[in-house]
Amino acid sequence: VSNGRVFIAGSEDKTGTKRSLYCFDRKDGKQLWVKTIEFGKEVRTHGTNTHSPSTPASDGKSVVVWHGSAGLHCYDFEGKSLWSRDLGVFDHMWGEGTSPVIHDGKIFLNSGPTNKKVFVGAFKLATGETVWEKEEPYKGDGDNNDGGKPMGSWCTPLVFKDQVICAMPTRVVAYAPADGKLLWSCDGLRFNNGD
């Protein structure tokens, strides 16, 4: 909810080939606009997880939505597309679920679980340009760790003072918002049932 608007992300079909961002008037619930991305590819998800489960983020002027493999998108409050980014394929047996966070002119995003590349990144809110991206090392195939147990992180980053904090599959990490410098990390999230 931002500046009199309510934003909700969702999928237009069960396969996730059409991902949408809906905008409603906060006062009366009237739908003001919907923007749909025709992704055209089926991506796996768990039966209890829909496609595009991410919560959109807004600064009161623009709204950002993360549609996983269908990209990161930014719109103004009238529904005009400001920019879109293709960040790659995000494929996991349980699907996606991380949400972007806006702070100080940047978007912070945990890419979530995938069998390709797991990263936390910062992007310019005005343009979508990458400010920094930090790849998170892991062992396994993206669905399961090297011990055959499930793995993944659906953590939405937390911006606290001068840190971007995120729980990843085996550790908690804290990055400097400006340049992504690793400030600290704490191991210990790995346990017998998975990462």
N, C-alpha and C. Protein backbone atom coordinates (compact mmCIF):
# COMPACT_ATOMS: atom_id res chain seq x y z
N VAL A 1 0.86 -1.18 0.00
CA VAL A 1 0.00 0.00 0.00
C VAL A 1 0.90 1.23 0.00
N SER A 2 0.67 2.15 -0.95
CA SER A 2 1.53 3.32 -1.06
C SER A 2 0.79 4.47 -1.73
N ASN A 3 0.79 5.63 -1.09
CA ASN A 3 0.27 6.86 -1.68
C ASN A 3 -1.13 6.66 -2.29
N GLY A 4 -2.01 6.02 -1.54
CA GLY A 4 -3.40 5.84 -1.97
C GLY A 4 -3.64 4.71 -2.93
N ARG A 5 -2.61 3.91 -3.19
CA ARG A 5 -2.74 2.77 -4.11
C ARG A 5 -2.42 1.47 -3.39
N VAL A 6 -3.02 0.39 -3.87
CA VAL A 6 -2.73 -0.96 -3.38
C VAL A 6 -2.20 -1.76 -4.56
N PHE A 7 -1.04 -2.36 -4.41
CA PHE A 7 -0.40 -3.12 -5.48
C PHE A 7 -0.33 -4.59 -5.10
N ILE A 8 -0.72 -5.47 -6.03
CA ILE A 8 -0.70 -6.91 -5.80
C ILE A 8 -0.15 -7.59 -7.05
N ALA A 9 0.77 -8.53 -6.86
CA ALA A 9 1.32 -9.31 -7.97
C ALA A 9 0.61 -10.65 -8.04
N GLY A 10 0.53 -11.21 -9.23
CA GLY A 10 -0.09 -12.52 -9.38
C GLY A 10 0.10 -13.06 -10.78
N SER A 11 -0.34 -14.30 -10.95
CA SER A 11 -0.25 -14.96 -12.24
C SER A 11 -1.64 -15.08 -12.84
N GLU A 12 -1.72 -14.92 -14.16
CA GLU A 12 -3.01 -15.01 -14.86
C GLU A 12 -3.38 -16.45 -15.18
N ASP A 13 -2.45 -17.37 -15.01
CA ASP A 13 -2.73 -18.78 -15.28
C ASP A 13 -1.93 -19.66 -14.33
N LYS A 14 -2.24 -20.94 -14.31
CA LYS A 14 -1.58 -21.86 -13.38
C LYS A 14 -0.17 -22.22 -13.79
N THR A 15 0.21 -21.92 -15.02
CA THR A 15 1.55 -22.27 -15.50
C THR A 15 2.56 -21.14 -15.31
N GLY A 16 2.08 -19.94 -15.00
CA GLY A 16 2.99 -18.82 -14.79
C GLY A 16 3.47 -18.17 -16.06
N THR A 17 2.84 -18.44 -17.19
CA THR A 17 3.28 -17.84 -18.45
C THR A 17 2.84 -16.39 -18.60
N LYS A 18 1.87 -15.95 -17.78
CA LYS A 18 1.43 -14.56 -17.77
C LYS A 18 1.48 -14.06 -16.34
N ARG A 19 2.36 -13.08 -16.07
CA ARG A 19 2.55 -12.53 -14.72
C ARG A 19 2.06 -11.09 -14.69
N SER A 20 1.30 -10.74 -13.66
CA SER A 20 0.67 -9.42 -13.63
C SER A 20 0.94 -8.64 -12.36
N LEU A 21 0.85 -7.32 -12.51
CA LEU A 21 0.84 -6.39 -11.39
C LEU A 21 -0.48 -5.63 -11.45
N TYR A 22 -1.25 -5.69 -10.37
CA TYR A 22 -2.54 -5.01 -10.28
C TYR A 22 -2.41 -3.78 -9.40
N CYS A 23 -3.11 -2.71 -9.80
CA CYS A 23 -3.16 -1.48 -9.02
C CYS A 23 -4.62 -1.16 -8.70
N PHE A 24 -4.91 -0.97 -7.40
CA PHE A 24 -6.26 -0.65 -6.94
C PHE A 24 -6.25 0.68 -6.18
N ASP A 25 -7.39 1.35 -6.21
CA ASP A 25 -7.57 2.55 -5.40
C ASP A 25 -7.79 2.13 -3.96
N ARG A 26 -7.03 2.71 -3.05
CA ARG A 26 -7.12 2.33 -1.64
C ARG A 26 -8.48 2.69 -1.03
N LYS A 27 -9.10 3.77 -1.50
CA LYS A 27 -10.35 4.23 -0.90
C LYS A 27 -11.53 3.32 -1.20
N ASP A 28 -11.67 2.91 -2.47
CA ASP A 28 -12.87 2.16 -2.84
C ASP A 28 -12.59 0.77 -3.44
N GLY A 29 -11.31 0.41 -3.59
CA GLY A 29 -10.96 -0.91 -4.11
C GLY A 29 -11.09 -1.04 -5.61
N LYS A 30 -11.41 0.03 -6.31
CA LYS A 30 -11.56 -0.02 -7.77
C LYS A 30 -10.21 -0.33 -8.42
N GLN A 31 -10.24 -1.27 -9.38
CA GLN A 31 -9.02 -1.57 -10.11
C GLN A 31 -8.71 -0.42 -11.05
N LEU A 32 -7.51 0.15 -10.92
CA LEU A 32 -7.10 1.27 -11.75
C LEU A 32 -6.37 0.82 -13.01
N TRP A 33 -5.53 -0.20 -12.87
CA TRP A 33 -4.84 -0.75 -14.02
C TRP A 33 -4.22 -2.10 -13.68
N VAL A 34 -3.87 -2.83 -14.72
CA VAL A 34 -3.13 -4.09 -14.57
C VAL A 34 -2.11 -4.14 -15.70
N LYS A 35 -0.91 -4.59 -15.38
CA LYS A 35 0.15 -4.74 -16.36
C LYS A 35 0.58 -6.20 -16.36
N THR A 36 0.50 -6.83 -17.52
CA THR A 36 0.78 -8.26 -17.64
C THR A 36 2.00 -8.49 -18.52
N ILE A 37 2.90 -9.31 -18.02
CA ILE A 37 4.09 -9.72 -18.77
C ILE A 37 3.78 -11.09 -19.39
N GLU A 38 3.87 -11.16 -20.71
CA GLU A 38 3.67 -12.43 -21.42
C GLU A 38 5.00 -13.16 -21.44
N PHE A 39 5.22 -13.98 -20.40
CA PHE A 39 6.50 -14.66 -20.27
C PHE A 39 6.62 -15.81 -21.27
N GLY A 40 5.56 -16.58 -21.41
CA GLY A 40 5.52 -17.62 -22.44
C GLY A 40 6.24 -18.91 -22.11
N LYS A 41 6.83 -19.02 -20.91
CA LYS A 41 7.51 -20.25 -20.53
C LYS A 41 6.94 -20.76 -19.22
N GLU A 42 6.82 -22.08 -19.12
CA GLU A 42 6.37 -22.68 -17.87
C GLU A 42 7.57 -22.88 -16.96
N VAL A 43 7.44 -22.45 -15.70
CA VAL A 43 8.50 -22.62 -14.71
C VAL A 43 7.92 -23.39 -13.54
N ARG A 44 8.72 -24.28 -12.98
CA ARG A 44 8.23 -25.10 -11.87
C ARG A 44 7.88 -24.27 -10.65
N THR A 45 6.94 -24.78 -9.87
CA THR A 45 6.66 -24.26 -8.54
C THR A 45 5.98 -25.37 -7.75
N HIS A 46 5.93 -25.24 -6.45
CA HIS A 46 5.24 -26.21 -5.61
C HIS A 46 3.73 -25.99 -5.72
N GLY A 47 2.95 -27.03 -5.51
CA GLY A 47 1.50 -26.93 -5.60
C GLY A 47 0.88 -25.94 -4.65
N THR A 48 1.58 -25.62 -3.55
CA THR A 48 1.05 -24.65 -2.59
C THR A 48 1.59 -23.24 -2.82
N ASN A 49 2.42 -23.06 -3.85
CA ASN A 49 3.02 -21.76 -4.13
C ASN A 49 2.59 -21.30 -5.52
N THR A 50 1.98 -20.15 -5.61
CA THR A 50 1.60 -19.61 -6.92
C THR A 50 2.81 -19.02 -7.62
N HIS A 51 2.64 -18.71 -8.90
CA HIS A 51 3.67 -17.95 -9.61
C HIS A 51 3.49 -16.47 -9.25
N SER A 52 4.58 -15.74 -9.20
CA SER A 52 4.59 -14.31 -8.82
C SER A 52 4.04 -14.08 -7.42
N PRO A 53 4.56 -14.79 -6.41
CA PRO A 53 4.10 -14.56 -5.04
C PRO A 53 4.77 -13.38 -4.35
N SER A 54 5.64 -12.69 -5.07
CA SER A 54 6.39 -11.56 -4.52
C SER A 54 5.48 -10.40 -4.16
N THR A 55 5.83 -9.68 -3.09
CA THR A 55 5.14 -8.45 -2.72
C THR A 55 5.81 -7.29 -3.45
N PRO A 56 5.05 -6.48 -4.21
CA PRO A 56 5.65 -5.32 -4.86
C PRO A 56 6.16 -4.32 -3.82
N ALA A 57 7.08 -3.46 -4.24
CA ALA A 57 7.62 -2.41 -3.38
C ALA A 57 7.41 -1.06 -4.06
N SER A 58 7.17 -0.02 -3.23
CA SER A 58 6.93 1.30 -3.79
C SER A 58 7.53 2.39 -2.92
N ASP A 59 7.90 3.50 -3.57
CA ASP A 59 8.40 4.67 -2.85
C ASP A 59 7.37 5.80 -2.87
N GLY A 60 6.14 5.51 -3.30
CA GLY A 60 5.10 6.53 -3.38
C GLY A 60 5.00 7.19 -4.74
N LYS A 61 5.98 6.94 -5.61
CA LYS A 61 5.97 7.49 -6.96
C LYS A 61 6.05 6.40 -8.01
N SER A 62 6.83 5.38 -7.73
CA SER A 62 6.97 4.25 -8.65
C SER A 62 6.78 2.96 -7.87
N VAL A 63 6.53 1.87 -8.60
CA VAL A 63 6.31 0.57 -7.98
C VAL A 63 7.16 -0.46 -8.73
N VAL A 64 7.79 -1.36 -7.97
CA VAL A 64 8.66 -2.38 -8.54
C VAL A 64 8.08 -3.74 -8.20
N VAL A 65 8.07 -4.63 -9.19
CA VAL A 65 7.58 -5.99 -8.96
C VAL A 65 8.60 -6.99 -9.51
N TRP A 66 8.81 -8.05 -8.76
CA TRP A 66 9.74 -9.13 -9.14
C TRP A 66 8.90 -10.32 -9.58
N HIS A 67 9.00 -10.69 -10.85
CA HIS A 67 8.27 -11.83 -11.39
C HIS A 67 9.19 -13.03 -11.63
N GLY A 68 10.29 -13.13 -10.87
CA GLY A 68 11.20 -14.27 -11.03
C GLY A 68 11.78 -14.31 -12.44
N SER A 69 11.65 -15.46 -13.10
CA SER A 69 12.20 -15.62 -14.45
C SER A 69 11.60 -14.64 -15.45
N ALA A 70 10.43 -14.09 -15.16
CA ALA A 70 9.79 -13.10 -16.05
C ALA A 70 10.31 -11.69 -15.80
N GLY A 71 11.26 -11.52 -14.87
CA GLY A 71 11.97 -10.26 -14.74
C GLY A 71 11.56 -9.35 -13.60
N LEU A 72 12.34 -8.28 -13.48
CA LEU A 72 12.13 -7.21 -12.51
C LEU A 72 11.60 -6.01 -13.29
N HIS A 73 10.46 -5.44 -12.84
CA HIS A 73 9.78 -4.41 -13.62
C HIS A 73 9.43 -3.22 -12.74
N CYS A 74 9.50 -2.02 -13.32
CA CYS A 74 9.19 -0.79 -12.60
C CYS A 74 8.17 0.01 -13.40
N TYR A 75 7.13 0.52 -12.70
CA TYR A 75 6.07 1.31 -13.31
C TYR A 75 5.86 2.59 -12.51
N ASP A 76 5.30 3.60 -13.18
CA ASP A 76 4.86 4.76 -12.42
C ASP A 76 3.46 4.48 -11.88
N PHE A 77 2.87 5.42 -11.15
CA PHE A 77 1.58 5.18 -10.50
C PHE A 77 0.41 5.17 -11.47
N GLU A 78 0.66 5.55 -12.73
CA GLU A 78 -0.39 5.48 -13.75
C GLU A 78 -0.27 4.20 -14.58
N GLY A 79 0.71 3.37 -14.25
CA GLY A 79 0.89 2.11 -14.96
C GLY A 79 1.82 2.16 -16.15
N LYS A 80 2.49 3.30 -16.35
CA LYS A 80 3.46 3.41 -17.44
C LYS A 80 4.72 2.66 -17.08
N SER A 81 5.19 1.82 -18.00
CA SER A 81 6.43 1.07 -17.78
C SER A 81 7.61 2.02 -17.82
N LEU A 82 8.42 1.99 -16.75
CA LEU A 82 9.62 2.83 -16.68
C LEU A 82 10.86 2.06 -17.13
N TRP A 83 10.94 0.80 -16.76
CA TRP A 83 12.03 -0.06 -17.19
C TRP A 83 11.73 -1.51 -16.80
N SER A 84 12.44 -2.44 -17.44
CA SER A 84 12.35 -3.87 -17.14
C SER A 84 13.74 -4.46 -17.22
N ARG A 85 13.99 -5.46 -16.37
CA ARG A 85 15.28 -6.16 -16.37
C ARG A 85 15.06 -7.66 -16.42
N ASP A 86 15.76 -8.32 -17.30
CA ASP A 86 15.80 -9.78 -17.35
C ASP A 86 17.02 -10.19 -16.54
N LEU A 87 16.80 -10.83 -15.38
CA LEU A 87 17.91 -11.22 -14.51
C LEU A 87 18.26 -12.70 -14.64
N GLY A 88 17.65 -13.38 -15.59
CA GLY A 88 17.97 -14.79 -15.83
C GLY A 88 16.83 -15.71 -15.45
N VAL A 89 17.14 -17.00 -15.51
CA VAL A 89 16.15 -18.03 -15.21
C VAL A 89 16.26 -18.41 -13.73
N PHE A 90 15.11 -18.46 -13.06
CA PHE A 90 15.06 -18.85 -11.65
C PHE A 90 14.13 -20.05 -11.54
N ASP A 91 14.74 -21.21 -11.36
CA ASP A 91 14.01 -22.47 -11.41
C ASP A 91 14.28 -23.25 -10.14
N HIS A 92 13.23 -23.53 -9.38
CA HIS A 92 13.34 -24.29 -8.14
C HIS A 92 12.07 -25.11 -7.94
N MET A 93 12.21 -26.28 -7.34
CA MET A 93 11.05 -27.16 -7.15
C MET A 93 9.95 -26.52 -6.32
N TRP A 94 10.28 -25.54 -5.48
CA TRP A 94 9.28 -24.86 -4.65
C TRP A 94 8.91 -23.49 -5.19
N GLY A 95 9.51 -23.08 -6.30
CA GLY A 95 9.19 -21.80 -6.91
C GLY A 95 9.90 -20.64 -6.26
N GLU A 96 9.43 -19.45 -6.59
CA GLU A 96 10.05 -18.23 -6.08
C GLU A 96 9.23 -17.64 -4.95
N GLY A 97 9.73 -16.58 -4.33
CA GLY A 97 8.97 -15.99 -3.23
C GLY A 97 9.62 -14.79 -2.57
N THR A 98 10.78 -14.35 -3.05
CA THR A 98 11.42 -13.19 -2.44
C THR A 98 10.78 -11.91 -2.96
N SER A 99 10.92 -10.85 -2.19
CA SER A 99 10.34 -9.56 -2.56
C SER A 99 11.40 -8.48 -2.58
N PRO A 100 11.29 -7.51 -3.50
CA PRO A 100 12.24 -6.41 -3.53
C PRO A 100 11.98 -5.43 -2.39
N VAL A 101 13.02 -4.68 -2.03
CA VAL A 101 12.93 -3.65 -1.01
C VAL A 101 13.52 -2.37 -1.60
N ILE A 102 12.85 -1.25 -1.41
CA ILE A 102 13.35 0.04 -1.89
C ILE A 102 13.90 0.83 -0.71
N HIS A 103 15.12 1.36 -0.90
CA HIS A 103 15.74 2.18 0.14
C HIS A 103 16.77 3.10 -0.51
N ASP A 104 16.66 4.39 -0.24
CA ASP A 104 17.67 5.37 -0.65
C ASP A 104 17.97 5.31 -2.15
N GLY A 105 16.91 5.23 -2.97
CA GLY A 105 17.08 5.24 -4.42
C GLY A 105 17.56 3.95 -5.02
N LYS A 106 17.58 2.88 -4.22
CA LYS A 106 18.01 1.58 -4.71
C LYS A 106 16.95 0.52 -4.42
N ILE A 107 17.00 -0.54 -5.22
CA ILE A 107 16.17 -1.72 -5.00
C ILE A 107 17.11 -2.83 -4.57
N PHE A 108 16.81 -3.46 -3.45
CA PHE A 108 17.60 -4.60 -2.98
C PHE A 108 16.77 -5.86 -3.18
N LEU A 109 17.41 -6.90 -3.74
CA LEU A 109 16.69 -8.12 -4.09
C LEU A 109 17.54 -9.34 -3.83
N ASN A 110 16.96 -10.31 -3.13
CA ASN A 110 17.54 -11.65 -3.03
C ASN A 110 16.96 -12.42 -4.19
N SER A 111 17.80 -12.94 -5.07
CA SER A 111 17.30 -13.64 -6.25
C SER A 111 16.54 -14.91 -5.90
N GLY A 112 16.74 -15.41 -4.69
CA GLY A 112 16.01 -16.63 -4.29
C GLY A 112 16.67 -17.88 -4.83
N PRO A 113 16.05 -19.00 -4.58
CA PRO A 113 16.66 -20.27 -4.98
C PRO A 113 16.59 -20.49 -6.49
N THR A 114 17.62 -21.12 -7.01
CA THR A 114 17.67 -21.44 -8.43
C THR A 114 18.77 -22.45 -8.66
N ASN A 115 18.73 -23.08 -9.80
CA ASN A 115 19.82 -24.00 -10.13
C ASN A 115 20.85 -23.34 -11.03
N LYS A 116 20.75 -22.03 -11.17
CA LYS A 116 21.70 -21.30 -12.02
C LYS A 116 22.67 -20.46 -11.18
N LYS A 117 22.15 -19.41 -10.54
CA LYS A 117 22.99 -18.49 -9.79
C LYS A 117 22.15 -17.86 -8.68
N VAL A 118 22.65 -17.90 -7.45
CA VAL A 118 21.97 -17.28 -6.33
C VAL A 118 22.74 -16.01 -5.97
N PHE A 119 22.03 -14.87 -5.90
CA PHE A 119 22.72 -13.63 -5.59
C PHE A 119 21.80 -12.65 -4.85
N VAL A 120 22.43 -11.72 -4.15
CA VAL A 120 21.76 -10.55 -3.61
C VAL A 120 22.27 -9.39 -4.45
N GLY A 121 21.33 -8.52 -4.89
CA GLY A 121 21.75 -7.43 -5.75
C GLY A 121 21.10 -6.11 -5.39
N ALA A 122 21.72 -5.04 -5.87
CA ALA A 122 21.18 -3.69 -5.72
C ALA A 122 21.06 -3.09 -7.12
N PHE A 123 19.94 -2.42 -7.36
CA PHE A 123 19.64 -1.83 -8.66
C PHE A 123 19.17 -0.39 -8.47
N LYS A 124 19.48 0.49 -9.41
CA LYS A 124 19.03 1.87 -9.33
C LYS A 124 17.52 1.92 -9.57
N LEU A 125 16.80 2.54 -8.66
CA LEU A 125 15.36 2.65 -8.79
C LEU A 125 14.97 3.42 -10.05
N ALA A 126 15.72 4.44 -10.40
CA ALA A 126 15.38 5.29 -11.55
C ALA A 126 15.53 4.59 -12.89
N THR A 127 16.51 3.66 -12.99
CA THR A 127 16.85 3.09 -14.30
C THR A 127 16.87 1.56 -14.35
N GLY A 128 16.95 0.91 -13.19
CA GLY A 128 17.09 -0.55 -13.15
C GLY A 128 18.52 -1.03 -13.33
N GLU A 129 19.43 -0.09 -13.53
CA GLU A 129 20.84 -0.43 -13.73
C GLU A 129 21.40 -1.11 -12.48
N THR A 130 22.23 -2.13 -12.68
CA THR A 130 22.84 -2.84 -11.57
C THR A 130 23.86 -1.94 -10.86
N VAL A 131 23.72 -1.81 -9.55
CA VAL A 131 24.69 -1.09 -8.73
C VAL A 131 25.74 -2.08 -8.24
N TRP A 132 25.27 -3.20 -7.70
CA TRP A 132 26.16 -4.29 -7.31
C TRP A 132 25.38 -5.59 -7.25
N GLU A 133 26.12 -6.68 -7.35
CA GLU A 133 25.53 -8.01 -7.30
C GLU A 133 26.54 -8.94 -6.62
N LYS A 134 26.10 -9.65 -5.59
CA LYS A 134 26.99 -10.55 -4.86
C LYS A 134 26.45 -11.97 -4.93
N GLU A 135 27.21 -12.82 -5.60
CA GLU A 135 26.80 -14.21 -5.77
C GLU A 135 27.03 -14.97 -4.47
N GLU A 136 26.05 -15.78 -4.10
CA GLU A 136 26.14 -16.58 -2.88
C GLU A 136 26.59 -18.00 -3.25
N PRO A 137 27.72 -18.44 -2.71
CA PRO A 137 28.19 -19.80 -3.04
C PRO A 137 27.29 -20.86 -2.40
N TYR A 138 27.11 -21.95 -3.09
CA TYR A 138 26.37 -23.09 -2.52
C TYR A 138 26.86 -24.37 -3.18
N LYS A 139 26.59 -25.47 -2.51
CA LYS A 139 26.95 -26.78 -3.05
C LYS A 139 25.68 -27.56 -3.25
N GLY A 140 25.52 -28.14 -4.42
CA GLY A 140 24.32 -28.89 -4.74
C GLY A 140 23.81 -28.50 -6.12
N ASP A 141 22.55 -28.86 -6.39
CA ASP A 141 21.98 -28.61 -7.70
C ASP A 141 20.96 -27.47 -7.71
N GLY A 142 20.84 -26.76 -6.60
CA GLY A 142 19.87 -25.67 -6.51
C GLY A 142 18.59 -26.08 -5.82
N ASP A 143 18.12 -27.29 -6.08
CA ASP A 143 16.96 -27.84 -5.37
C ASP A 143 17.40 -28.49 -4.06
N ASN A 144 18.52 -29.22 -4.15
CA ASN A 144 19.05 -29.96 -3.00
C ASN A 144 20.52 -29.65 -2.81
N ASN A 145 20.96 -29.70 -1.54
CA ASN A 145 22.37 -29.45 -1.25
C ASN A 145 23.20 -30.68 -1.61
N ASP A 146 24.49 -30.63 -1.33
CA ASP A 146 25.38 -31.73 -1.68
C ASP A 146 25.10 -33.00 -0.89
N GLY A 147 24.30 -32.90 0.18
CA GLY A 147 23.89 -34.07 0.96
C GLY A 147 22.54 -34.62 0.54
N GLY A 148 21.95 -34.05 -0.51
CA GLY A 148 20.66 -34.53 -1.00
C GLY A 148 19.46 -33.97 -0.26
N LYS A 149 19.67 -33.00 0.62
CA LYS A 149 18.58 -32.38 1.38
C LYS A 149 18.15 -31.08 0.71
N PRO A 150 16.89 -30.64 0.89
CA PRO A 150 16.41 -29.42 0.25
C PRO A 150 17.21 -28.18 0.64
N MET A 151 17.27 -27.23 -0.29
CA MET A 151 17.97 -25.98 -0.03
C MET A 151 17.25 -24.82 -0.71
N GLY A 152 17.49 -23.62 -0.21
CA GLY A 152 16.94 -22.42 -0.84
C GLY A 152 16.77 -21.31 0.18
N SER A 153 16.60 -20.09 -0.32
CA SER A 153 16.32 -18.94 0.53
C SER A 153 15.26 -18.07 -0.15
N TRP A 154 14.20 -17.79 0.58
CA TRP A 154 13.13 -16.94 0.09
C TRP A 154 13.07 -15.67 0.93
N CYS A 155 14.18 -15.32 1.55
CA CYS A 155 14.25 -14.19 2.47
C CYS A 155 14.21 -12.86 1.72
N THR A 156 13.33 -11.96 2.15
CA THR A 156 13.33 -10.60 1.65
C THR A 156 14.39 -9.83 2.42
N PRO A 157 15.29 -9.12 1.74
CA PRO A 157 16.34 -8.40 2.45
C PRO A 157 15.77 -7.39 3.45
N LEU A 158 16.50 -7.20 4.53
CA LEU A 158 16.15 -6.22 5.55
C LEU A 158 17.21 -5.13 5.53
N VAL A 159 16.78 -3.88 5.33
CA VAL A 159 17.72 -2.77 5.38
C VAL A 159 17.64 -2.19 6.78
N PHE A 160 18.77 -2.25 7.49
CA PHE A 160 18.83 -1.78 8.87
C PHE A 160 20.04 -0.89 9.03
N LYS A 161 19.79 0.39 9.28
CA LYS A 161 20.86 1.40 9.39
C LYS A 161 21.73 1.36 8.14
N ASP A 162 22.96 0.93 8.25
CA ASP A 162 23.86 0.93 7.11
C ASP A 162 24.17 -0.48 6.62
N GLN A 163 23.18 -1.38 6.70
CA GLN A 163 23.39 -2.76 6.30
C GLN A 163 22.18 -3.32 5.53
N VAL A 164 22.47 -4.17 4.56
CA VAL A 164 21.44 -4.95 3.87
C VAL A 164 21.65 -6.38 4.37
N ILE A 165 20.70 -6.88 5.15
CA ILE A 165 20.84 -8.19 5.81
C ILE A 165 19.91 -9.20 5.15
N CYS A 166 20.45 -10.40 4.90
CA CYS A 166 19.64 -11.42 4.23
C CYS A 166 20.07 -12.81 4.71
N ALA A 167 19.10 -13.65 5.01
CA ALA A 167 19.37 -15.05 5.37
C ALA A 167 19.46 -15.87 4.09
N MET A 168 20.60 -16.46 3.88
CA MET A 168 20.83 -17.28 2.70
C MET A 168 20.79 -18.76 3.14
N PRO A 169 20.98 -19.71 2.23
CA PRO A 169 20.80 -21.12 2.61
C PRO A 169 21.68 -21.60 3.78
N THR A 170 22.92 -21.14 3.88
CA THR A 170 23.77 -21.66 4.95
C THR A 170 24.28 -20.58 5.91
N ARG A 171 23.99 -19.31 5.62
CA ARG A 171 24.51 -18.24 6.48
C ARG A 171 23.65 -16.99 6.37
N VAL A 172 23.81 -16.10 7.32
CA VAL A 172 23.23 -14.77 7.27
C VAL A 172 24.33 -13.84 6.79
N VAL A 173 24.01 -12.95 5.84
CA VAL A 173 25.00 -12.02 5.30
C VAL A 173 24.55 -10.58 5.50
N ALA A 174 25.49 -9.68 5.62
CA ALA A 174 25.20 -8.25 5.70
C ALA A 174 26.12 -7.53 4.73
N TYR A 175 25.51 -6.74 3.84
CA TYR A 175 26.26 -6.00 2.83
C TYR A 175 26.11 -4.50 3.04
N ALA A 176 27.11 -3.75 2.61
CA ALA A 176 27.02 -2.28 2.61
C ALA A 176 26.09 -1.88 1.47
N PRO A 177 25.06 -1.05 1.74
CA PRO A 177 24.10 -0.68 0.69
C PRO A 177 24.73 0.00 -0.52
N ALA A 178 25.77 0.80 -0.32
CA ALA A 178 26.35 1.58 -1.42
C ALA A 178 27.10 0.74 -2.44
N ASP A 179 27.91 -0.23 -1.96
CA ASP A 179 28.78 -0.95 -2.89
C ASP A 179 28.74 -2.47 -2.75
N GLY A 180 27.93 -3.00 -1.82
CA GLY A 180 27.82 -4.44 -1.67
C GLY A 180 28.97 -5.09 -0.93
N LYS A 181 29.81 -4.30 -0.31
CA LYS A 181 30.92 -4.87 0.46
C LYS A 181 30.35 -5.76 1.57
N LEU A 182 30.90 -6.97 1.71
CA LEU A 182 30.47 -7.88 2.78
C LEU A 182 30.93 -7.31 4.12
N LEU A 183 29.98 -6.96 4.97
CA LEU A 183 30.30 -6.39 6.28
C LEU A 183 30.50 -7.48 7.31
N TRP A 184 29.67 -8.49 7.26
CA TRP A 184 29.82 -9.64 8.15
C TRP A 184 28.94 -10.79 7.65
N SER A 185 29.26 -11.97 8.12
CA SER A 185 28.41 -13.13 7.85
C SER A 185 28.45 -14.03 9.06
N CYS A 186 27.42 -14.83 9.20
CA CYS A 186 27.30 -15.74 10.34
C CYS A 186 26.81 -17.08 9.84
N ASP A 187 27.65 -18.10 9.93
CA ASP A 187 27.25 -19.44 9.53
C ASP A 187 26.31 -20.03 10.57
N GLY A 188 25.66 -21.13 10.19
CA GLY A 188 24.85 -21.83 11.18
C GLY A 188 23.42 -22.12 10.76
N LEU A 189 23.00 -21.73 9.56
CA LEU A 189 21.64 -22.03 9.14
C LEU A 189 21.49 -23.44 8.61
N ARG A 190 22.60 -24.06 8.22
CA ARG A 190 22.54 -25.45 7.72
C ARG A 190 22.21 -26.38 8.86
N PHE A 191 21.28 -27.30 8.62
CA PHE A 191 20.95 -28.30 9.65
C PHE A 191 20.58 -29.61 8.97
N ASN A 192 20.26 -30.63 9.75
CA ASN A 192 20.10 -31.98 9.22
C ASN A 192 19.03 -32.11 8.14
N ASN A 193 17.97 -31.29 8.18
CA ASN A 193 16.90 -31.41 7.22
C ASN A 193 17.11 -30.61 5.94
N GLY A 194 18.19 -29.83 5.87
CA GLY A 194 18.47 -29.08 4.67
C GLY A 194 19.05 -27.71 4.96
N ASP A 195 19.22 -26.95 3.89
CA ASP A 195 19.80 -25.61 3.99
C ASP A 195 18.73 -24.58 3.64
